[in-house]
Amino acid sequence: MKALTLISAFVGGAIVGCGAALLFAPEKGADVRSRISDILKKHGCHCSDDEVDALIAELSAAEA
């Protein structure tokens, strides 16, 4: 159980770090949102633009 907890903490931290890097990247917001949408679609998660916007807003609120 301890190894599973450590692995999930690492994976969770990596996901949050990637999200923060995307949010603070010096690109236009529309470009970042389209990249996030493309990445999600490539991995089988088909999201609308509104859903991606909601995801970004949720991640931004979690960091503040």
C-alpha atoms as a PDB file:
ATOM      1  CA  MET A   1       0.000   0.000   0.000  1.00  0.00           C
ATOM      2  CA  LYS A   2       2.837   2.412   0.785  1.00  0.00           C
ATOM      3  CA  ALA A   3       4.352   2.097  -2.693  1.00  0.00           C
ATOM      4  CA  LEU A   4       0.944   2.696  -4.311  1.00  0.00           C
ATOM      5  CA  THR A   5       0.459   5.849  -2.224  1.00  0.00           C
ATOM      6  CA  LEU A   6       3.901   7.113  -3.187  1.00  0.00           C
ATOM      7  CA  ILE A   7       3.294   6.452  -6.875  1.00  0.00           C
ATOM      8  CA  SER A   8      -0.118   8.141  -6.824  1.00  0.00           C
ATOM      9  CA  ALA A   9       1.353  11.167  -5.030  1.00  0.00           C
ATOM     10  CA  PHE A  10       4.072  11.403  -7.676  1.00  0.00           C
ATOM     11  CA  VAL A  11       1.609  11.087 -10.561  1.00  0.00           C
ATOM     12  CA  GLY A  12      -0.746  13.621  -8.983  1.00  0.00           C
ATOM     13  CA  GLY A  13       2.118  16.076  -8.498  1.00  0.00           C
ATOM     14  CA  ALA A  14       3.232  15.593 -12.086  1.00  0.00           C
ATOM     15  CA  ILE A  15      -0.278  16.319 -13.365  1.00  0.00           C
ATOM     16  CA  VAL A  16      -0.593  19.472 -11.248  1.00  0.00           C
ATOM     17  CA  GLY A  17       2.890  20.591 -12.336  1.00  0.00           C
ATOM     18  CA  CYS A  18       2.048  20.111 -16.005  1.00  0.00           C
ATOM     19  CA  GLY A  19      -1.181  22.031 -15.574  1.00  0.00           C
ATOM     20  CA  ALA A  20       0.632  24.891 -13.847  1.00  0.00           C
ATOM     21  CA  ALA A  21       3.288  24.977 -16.563  1.00  0.00           C
ATOM     22  CA  LEU A  22       0.613  25.226 -19.236  1.00  0.00           C
ATOM     23  CA  LEU A  23      -1.271  27.930 -17.376  1.00  0.00           C
ATOM     24  CA  PHE A  24       1.803  30.081 -16.785  1.00  0.00           C
ATOM     25  CA  ALA A  25       3.297  29.606 -20.244  1.00  0.00           C
ATOM     26  CA  PRO A  26       3.871  32.855 -22.128  1.00  0.00           C
ATOM     27  CA  GLU A  27       1.360  32.074 -24.855  1.00  0.00           C
ATOM     28  CA  LYS A  28      -2.030  33.473 -25.700  1.00  0.00           C
ATOM     29  CA  GLY A  29      -4.851  31.854 -23.758  1.00  0.00           C
ATOM     30  CA  ALA A  30      -6.651  30.697 -26.883  1.00  0.00           C
ATOM     31  CA  ASP A  31      -3.508  28.909 -28.079  1.00  0.00           C
ATOM     32  CA  VAL A  32      -3.044  27.159 -24.738  1.00  0.00           C
ATOM     33  CA  ARG A  33      -6.705  26.092 -24.612  1.00  0.00           C
ATOM     34  CA  SER A  34      -6.518  24.672 -28.121  1.00  0.00           C
ATOM     35  CA  ARG A  35      -3.327  22.762 -27.228  1.00  0.00           C
ATOM     36  CA  ILE A  36      -4.986  21.327 -24.120  1.00  0.00           C
ATOM     37  CA  SER A  37      -8.015  20.350 -26.177  1.00  0.00           C
ATOM     38  CA  ASP A  38      -5.812  18.688 -28.806  1.00  0.00           C
ATOM     39  CA  ILE A  39      -3.888  16.746 -26.159  1.00  0.00           C
ATOM     40  CA  LEU A  40      -7.100  15.557 -24.519  1.00  0.00           C
ATOM     41  CA  LYS A  41      -8.567  14.510 -27.877  1.00  0.00           C
ATOM     42  CA  LYS A  42      -5.373  12.645 -28.751  1.00  0.00           C
ATOM     43  CA  HIS A  43      -5.795  10.625 -25.547  1.00  0.00           C
ATOM     44  CA  GLY A  44      -9.455   9.825 -26.210  1.00  0.00           C
ATOM     45  CA  CYS A  45     -11.138  12.541 -24.119  1.00  0.00           C
ATOM     46  CA  HIS A  46     -13.329  14.541 -26.489  1.00  0.00           C
ATOM     47  CA  CYS A  47     -14.165  17.821 -24.727  1.00  0.00           C
ATOM     48  CA  SER A  48     -15.931  20.886 -26.012  1.00  0.00           C
ATOM     49  CA  ASP A  49     -14.307  24.313 -25.785  1.00  0.00           C
ATOM     50  CA  ASP A  50     -16.596  25.183 -22.864  1.00  0.00           C
ATOM     51  CA  GLU A  51     -15.483  22.082 -20.958  1.00  0.00           C
ATOM     52  CA  VAL A  52     -11.818  22.937 -21.525  1.00  0.00           C
ATOM     53  CA  ASP A  53     -12.466  26.497 -20.331  1.00  0.00           C
ATOM     54  CA  ALA A  54     -14.156  25.131 -17.209  1.00  0.00           C
ATOM     55  CA  LEU A  55     -11.202  22.792 -16.568  1.00  0.00           C
ATOM     56  CA  ILE A  56      -8.724  25.669 -16.874  1.00  0.00           C
ATOM     57  CA  ALA A  57     -10.820  27.840 -14.558  1.00  0.00           C
ATOM     58  CA  GLU A  58     -10.946  25.022 -11.997  1.00  0.00           C
ATOM     59  CA  LEU A  59      -7.168  24.511 -12.169  1.00  0.00           C
ATOM     60  CA  SER A  60      -6.568  28.251 -11.864  1.00  0.00           C
ATOM     61  CA  ALA A  61      -8.818  28.483  -8.804  1.00  0.00           C
ATOM     62  CA  ALA A  62      -7.030  25.546  -7.166  1.00  0.00           C
ATOM     63  CA  GLU A  63      -3.673  27.297  -7.516  1.00  0.00           C
ATOM     64  CA  ALA A  64      -4.820  30.612  -6.045  1.00  0.00           C
END
